[in-house]
């Protein structure tokens, strides 16, 4: 755990455990700080972790390095209601592979540029950039209360 890197990354609920660098990419292996998991079905706390499938999430670049977060994605089992659920973090939208701030960045870049230019500069495919833009545009169309899950 490196508190300086944690503060620099500035994402809630995680800590950096290890860094791996290769050419233009840096992978930050992160750990989850929360020790309890709460079942979304019955709100029982203390569910058992059933399996862990780490995933790579793209974040904002730093000093020309593409940053990827290797995040443990825990599937837990609730003994109370006997259901499985997957833990997720507040800074990544469900079933997305980019942090919310990275998607915001790409969305704003496309607004002042082109998909083709952003694709080249970020080493993404046209479909990835278009998908991010479309996802953010759809989110912004939703009423504010719905976006905040109120």
C-alpha atoms as a PDB file:
ATOM      1  CA  UNK A   1       0.000   0.000   0.000  1.00  0.00           C
ATOM      2  CA  UNK A   2       1.450   3.350  -1.096  1.00  0.00           C
ATOM      3  CA  UNK A   3      -0.605   6.189   0.384  1.00  0.00           C
ATOM      4  CA  UNK A   4       0.978   8.742  -1.950  1.00  0.00           C
ATOM      5  CA  UNK A   5      -0.023   6.749  -5.043  1.00  0.00           C
ATOM      6  CA  UNK A   6      -3.487   6.134  -3.552  1.00  0.00           C
ATOM      7  CA  UNK A   7      -3.979   9.893  -3.137  1.00  0.00           C
ATOM      8  CA  UNK A   8      -2.588  10.556  -6.608  1.00  0.00           C
ATOM      9  CA  UNK A   9      -4.984   8.043  -8.164  1.00  0.00           C
ATOM     10  CA  UNK A  10      -7.829   9.600  -6.130  1.00  0.00           C
ATOM     11  CA  UNK A  11     -10.387   6.806  -6.475  1.00  0.00           C
ATOM     12  CA  UNK A  12     -12.520   5.822  -3.473  1.00  0.00           C
ATOM     13  CA  UNK A  13     -12.336   2.423  -1.800  1.00  0.00           C
ATOM     14  CA  UNK A  14      -9.153   1.089  -3.409  1.00  0.00           C
ATOM     15  CA  UNK A  15      -5.443   0.964  -2.718  1.00  0.00           C
ATOM     16  CA  UNK A  16      -2.555   0.343  -5.093  1.00  0.00           C
ATOM     17  CA  UNK A  17      -0.786  -2.926  -4.358  1.00  0.00           C
ATOM     18  CA  UNK A  18       1.576  -3.211  -7.319  1.00  0.00           C
ATOM     19  CA  UNK A  19       2.629  -1.467 -10.553  1.00  0.00           C
ATOM     20  CA  UNK A  20       3.715  -3.107 -13.806  1.00  0.00           C
ATOM     21  CA  UNK A  21       5.001  -1.050 -16.706  1.00  0.00           C
ATOM     22  CA  UNK A  22       5.397  -2.011 -20.361  1.00  0.00           C
ATOM     23  CA  UNK A  23       6.108   0.438 -23.206  1.00  0.00           C
ATOM     24  CA  UNK A  24       3.102   2.818 -23.244  1.00  0.00           C
ATOM     25  CA  UNK A  25       0.993   0.980 -20.660  1.00  0.00           C
ATOM     26  CA  UNK A  26       1.040   0.834 -16.881  1.00  0.00           C
ATOM     27  CA  UNK A  27      -1.075  -1.668 -14.967  1.00  0.00           C
ATOM     28  CA  UNK A  28      -1.892  -0.808 -11.366  1.00  0.00           C
ATOM     29  CA  UNK A  29      -2.995  -3.834  -9.401  1.00  0.00           C
ATOM     30  CA  UNK A  30      -5.414  -2.528  -6.802  1.00  0.00           C
ATOM     31  CA  UNK A  31      -6.979  -3.933  -3.670  1.00  0.00           C
ATOM     32  CA  UNK A  32     -10.428  -3.187  -2.318  1.00  0.00           C
ATOM     33  CA  UNK A  33     -10.421  -1.458   1.074  1.00  0.00           C
ATOM     34  CA  UNK A  34     -13.935  -2.544   2.073  1.00  0.00           C
ATOM     35  CA  UNK A  35     -13.879  -5.707   4.142  1.00  0.00           C
ATOM     36  CA  UNK A  36     -17.632  -6.275   4.286  1.00  0.00           C
ATOM     37  CA  UNK A  37     -19.897  -7.016   1.390  1.00  0.00           C
ATOM     38  CA  UNK A  38     -23.591  -6.227   1.639  1.00  0.00           C
ATOM     39  CA  UNK A  39     -26.104  -8.278  -0.283  1.00  0.00           C
ATOM     40  CA  UNK A  40     -28.111  -6.022  -2.639  1.00  0.00           C
ATOM     41  CA  UNK A  41     -31.057  -8.456  -2.454  1.00  0.00           C
ATOM     42  CA  UNK A  42     -31.624  -8.607   1.318  1.00  0.00           C
ATOM     43  CA  UNK A  43     -29.079  -6.030   2.643  1.00  0.00           C
ATOM     44  CA  UNK A  44     -27.472  -8.680   4.866  1.00  0.00           C
ATOM     45  CA  UNK A  45     -23.814  -7.876   5.521  1.00  0.00           C
ATOM     46  CA  UNK A  46     -21.035 -10.402   5.724  1.00  0.00           C
ATOM     47  CA  UNK A  47     -21.628 -12.433   2.560  1.00  0.00           C
ATOM     48  CA  UNK A  48     -18.941 -14.968   1.643  1.00  0.00           C
ATOM     49  CA  UNK A  49     -16.697 -14.411  -1.361  1.00  0.00           C
ATOM     50  CA  UNK A  50     -17.385 -17.193  -3.831  1.00  0.00           C
ATOM     51  CA  UNK A  51     -14.863 -16.309  -6.552  1.00  0.00           C
ATOM     52  CA  UNK A  52     -12.622 -13.505  -7.748  1.00  0.00           C
ATOM     53  CA  UNK A  53     -12.240 -12.664 -11.439  1.00  0.00           C
ATOM     54  CA  UNK A  54      -9.863  -9.701 -11.860  1.00  0.00           C
ATOM     55  CA  UNK A  55     -10.760  -7.273 -14.644  1.00  0.00           C
ATOM     56  CA  UNK A  56      -8.812  -4.498 -16.396  1.00  0.00           C
ATOM     57  CA  UNK A  57     -10.335  -1.016 -16.293  1.00  0.00           C
ATOM     58  CA  UNK A  58      -8.882   1.836 -18.362  1.00  0.00           C
ATOM     59  CA  UNK A  59      -8.290   5.109 -16.511  1.00  0.00           C
ATOM     60  CA  UNK A  60      -6.882   8.500 -17.445  1.00  0.00           C
ATOM     61  CA  UNK A  61      -3.351   8.516 -18.863  1.00  0.00           C
ATOM     62  CA  UNK A  62      -0.468   9.907 -16.817  1.00  0.00           C
ATOM     63  CA  UNK A  63       2.715  11.284 -18.413  1.00  0.00           C
ATOM     64  CA  UNK A  64       1.980   9.566 -21.714  1.00  0.00           C
ATOM     65  CA  UNK A  65       1.344   6.191 -20.048  1.00  0.00           C
ATOM     66  CA  UNK A  66      -2.027   4.492 -20.575  1.00  0.00           C
ATOM     67  CA  UNK A  67      -3.239   3.508 -17.106  1.00  0.00           C
ATOM     68  CA  UNK A  68      -5.107   0.263 -16.516  1.00  0.00           C
ATOM     69  CA  UNK A  69      -6.464  -0.786 -13.140  1.00  0.00           C
ATOM     70  CA  UNK A  70      -6.491  -4.499 -12.394  1.00  0.00           C
ATOM     71  CA  UNK A  71      -9.462  -4.732 -10.070  1.00  0.00           C
ATOM     72  CA  UNK A  72     -10.629  -7.826  -8.229  1.00  0.00           C
ATOM     73  CA  UNK A  73     -14.251  -8.415  -9.194  1.00  0.00           C
ATOM     74  CA  UNK A  74     -15.695 -10.463  -6.385  1.00  0.00           C
ATOM     75  CA  UNK A  75     -18.708 -12.661  -6.743  1.00  0.00           C
ATOM     76  CA  UNK A  76     -20.219 -13.231  -3.311  1.00  0.00           C
ATOM     77  CA  UNK A  77     -22.801 -15.605  -1.899  1.00  0.00           C
ATOM     78  CA  UNK A  78     -25.362 -14.499   0.667  1.00  0.00           C
ATOM     79  CA  UNK A  79     -26.206 -17.265   3.127  1.00  0.00           C
ATOM     80  CA  UNK A  80     -29.274 -15.356   4.250  1.00  0.00           C
ATOM     81  CA  UNK A  81     -31.172 -15.155   0.928  1.00  0.00           C
ATOM     82  CA  UNK A  82     -29.041 -17.767  -0.907  1.00  0.00           C
ATOM     83  CA  UNK A  83     -28.282 -15.546  -3.872  1.00  0.00           C
ATOM     84  CA  UNK A  84     -25.086 -14.637  -5.669  1.00  0.00           C
ATOM     85  CA  UNK A  85     -24.115 -11.059  -6.412  1.00  0.00           C
ATOM     86  CA  UNK A  86     -21.140  -9.243  -7.889  1.00  0.00           C
ATOM     87  CA  UNK A  87     -19.351  -6.442  -6.077  1.00  0.00           C
ATOM     88  CA  UNK A  88     -18.866  -3.257  -8.055  1.00  0.00           C
ATOM     89  CA  UNK A  89     -17.166   0.072  -7.449  1.00  0.00           C
ATOM     90  CA  UNK A  90     -18.729   3.528  -7.522  1.00  0.00           C
ATOM     91  CA  UNK A  91     -16.266   4.952 -10.071  1.00  0.00           C
ATOM     92  CA  UNK A  92     -17.052   2.383 -12.809  1.00  0.00           C
ATOM     93  CA  UNK A  93     -20.473   2.032 -14.444  1.00  0.00           C
ATOM     94  CA  UNK A  94     -21.946  -1.476 -14.434  1.00  0.00           C
ATOM     95  CA  UNK A  95     -20.425  -3.760 -17.085  1.00  0.00           C
ATOM     96  CA  UNK A  96     -18.098  -1.017 -18.381  1.00  0.00           C
ATOM     97  CA  UNK A  97     -14.316  -1.322 -18.808  1.00  0.00           C
ATOM     98  CA  UNK A  98     -13.455   2.343 -18.260  1.00  0.00           C
ATOM     99  CA  UNK A  99     -13.562   4.596 -15.210  1.00  0.00           C
ATOM    100  CA  UNK A 100     -16.318   7.194 -15.270  1.00  0.00           C
ATOM    101  CA  UNK A 101     -13.742   9.977 -15.397  1.00  0.00           C
ATOM    102  CA  UNK A 102     -12.057   8.375 -18.427  1.00  0.00           C
ATOM    103  CA  UNK A 103     -15.404   8.100 -20.209  1.00  0.00           C
ATOM    104  CA  UNK A 104     -16.115  11.767 -19.359  1.00  0.00           C
ATOM    105  CA  UNK A 105     -12.725  12.701 -20.783  1.00  0.00           C
ATOM    106  CA  UNK A 106     -13.330  10.788 -24.040  1.00  0.00           C
ATOM    107  CA  UNK A 107     -16.842  12.238 -24.373  1.00  0.00           C
ATOM    108  CA  UNK A 108     -15.565  15.811 -24.051  1.00  0.00           C
ATOM    109  CA  UNK A 109     -12.631  15.158 -26.379  1.00  0.00           C
ATOM    110  CA  UNK A 110     -14.969  13.885 -29.119  1.00  0.00           C
ATOM    111  CA  UNK A 111     -17.133  16.981 -28.734  1.00  0.00           C
ATOM    112  CA  UNK A 112     -14.209  19.261 -29.647  1.00  0.00           C
ATOM    113  CA  UNK A 113     -12.452  16.877 -32.023  1.00  0.00           C
ATOM    114  CA  UNK A 114     -13.373  13.769 -34.014  1.00  0.00           C
ATOM    115  CA  UNK A 115     -13.760  10.119 -33.126  1.00  0.00           C
ATOM    116  CA  UNK A 116     -10.918   9.351 -35.521  1.00  0.00           C
ATOM    117  CA  UNK A 117      -8.507  11.737 -33.805  1.00  0.00           C
ATOM    118  CA  UNK A 118      -9.396  10.547 -30.290  1.00  0.00           C
ATOM    119  CA  UNK A 119      -9.059   6.941 -31.458  1.00  0.00           C
ATOM    120  CA  UNK A 120      -5.504   7.566 -32.668  1.00  0.00           C
ATOM    121  CA  UNK A 121      -4.414   9.553 -29.618  1.00  0.00           C
ATOM    122  CA  UNK A 122      -5.859   7.105 -27.075  1.00  0.00           C
ATOM    123  CA  UNK A 123      -4.984   3.847 -28.904  1.00  0.00           C
ATOM    124  CA  UNK A 124      -8.643   2.813 -28.963  1.00  0.00           C
ATOM    125  CA  UNK A 125     -10.748   1.423 -31.790  1.00  0.00           C
ATOM    126  CA  UNK A 126     -13.383   3.533 -33.530  1.00  0.00           C
ATOM    127  CA  UNK A 127     -16.061   1.297 -31.972  1.00  0.00           C
ATOM    128  CA  UNK A 128     -14.649   1.816 -28.461  1.00  0.00           C
ATOM    129  CA  UNK A 129     -14.612   5.622 -28.786  1.00  0.00           C
ATOM    130  CA  UNK A 130     -18.072   5.650 -30.361  1.00  0.00           C
ATOM    131  CA  UNK A 131     -19.386   3.303 -27.647  1.00  0.00           C
ATOM    132  CA  UNK A 132     -18.041   5.535 -24.868  1.00  0.00           C
ATOM    133  CA  UNK A 133     -19.489   8.646 -26.524  1.00  0.00           C
ATOM    134  CA  UNK A 134     -22.876   7.013 -27.011  1.00  0.00           C
ATOM    135  CA  UNK A 135     -22.935   5.666 -23.418  1.00  0.00           C
ATOM    136  CA  UNK A 136     -22.148   9.104 -21.929  1.00  0.00           C
ATOM    137  CA  UNK A 137     -24.671  10.849 -24.190  1.00  0.00           C
ATOM    138  CA  UNK A 138     -27.402   8.420 -23.094  1.00  0.00           C
ATOM    139  CA  UNK A 139     -26.465   8.967 -19.442  1.00  0.00           C
ATOM    140  CA  UNK A 140     -26.690  12.729 -19.824  1.00  0.00           C
ATOM    141  CA  UNK A 141     -30.182  12.402 -21.308  1.00  0.00           C
ATOM    142  CA  UNK A 142     -31.429  10.748 -18.109  1.00  0.00           C
ATOM    143  CA  UNK A 143     -32.923  13.016 -15.448  1.00  0.00           C
ATOM    144  CA  UNK A 144     -30.476  14.022 -12.699  1.00  0.00           C
ATOM    145  CA  UNK A 145     -32.329  12.117  -9.957  1.00  0.00           C
ATOM    146  CA  UNK A 146     -32.187   8.901 -11.980  1.00  0.00           C
ATOM    147  CA  UNK A 147     -28.438   9.329 -12.583  1.00  0.00           C
ATOM    148  CA  UNK A 148     -27.863   9.753  -8.840  1.00  0.00           C
ATOM    149  CA  UNK A 149     -29.980   6.642  -8.107  1.00  0.00           C
ATOM    150  CA  UNK A 150     -32.292   8.629  -5.806  1.00  0.00           C
END
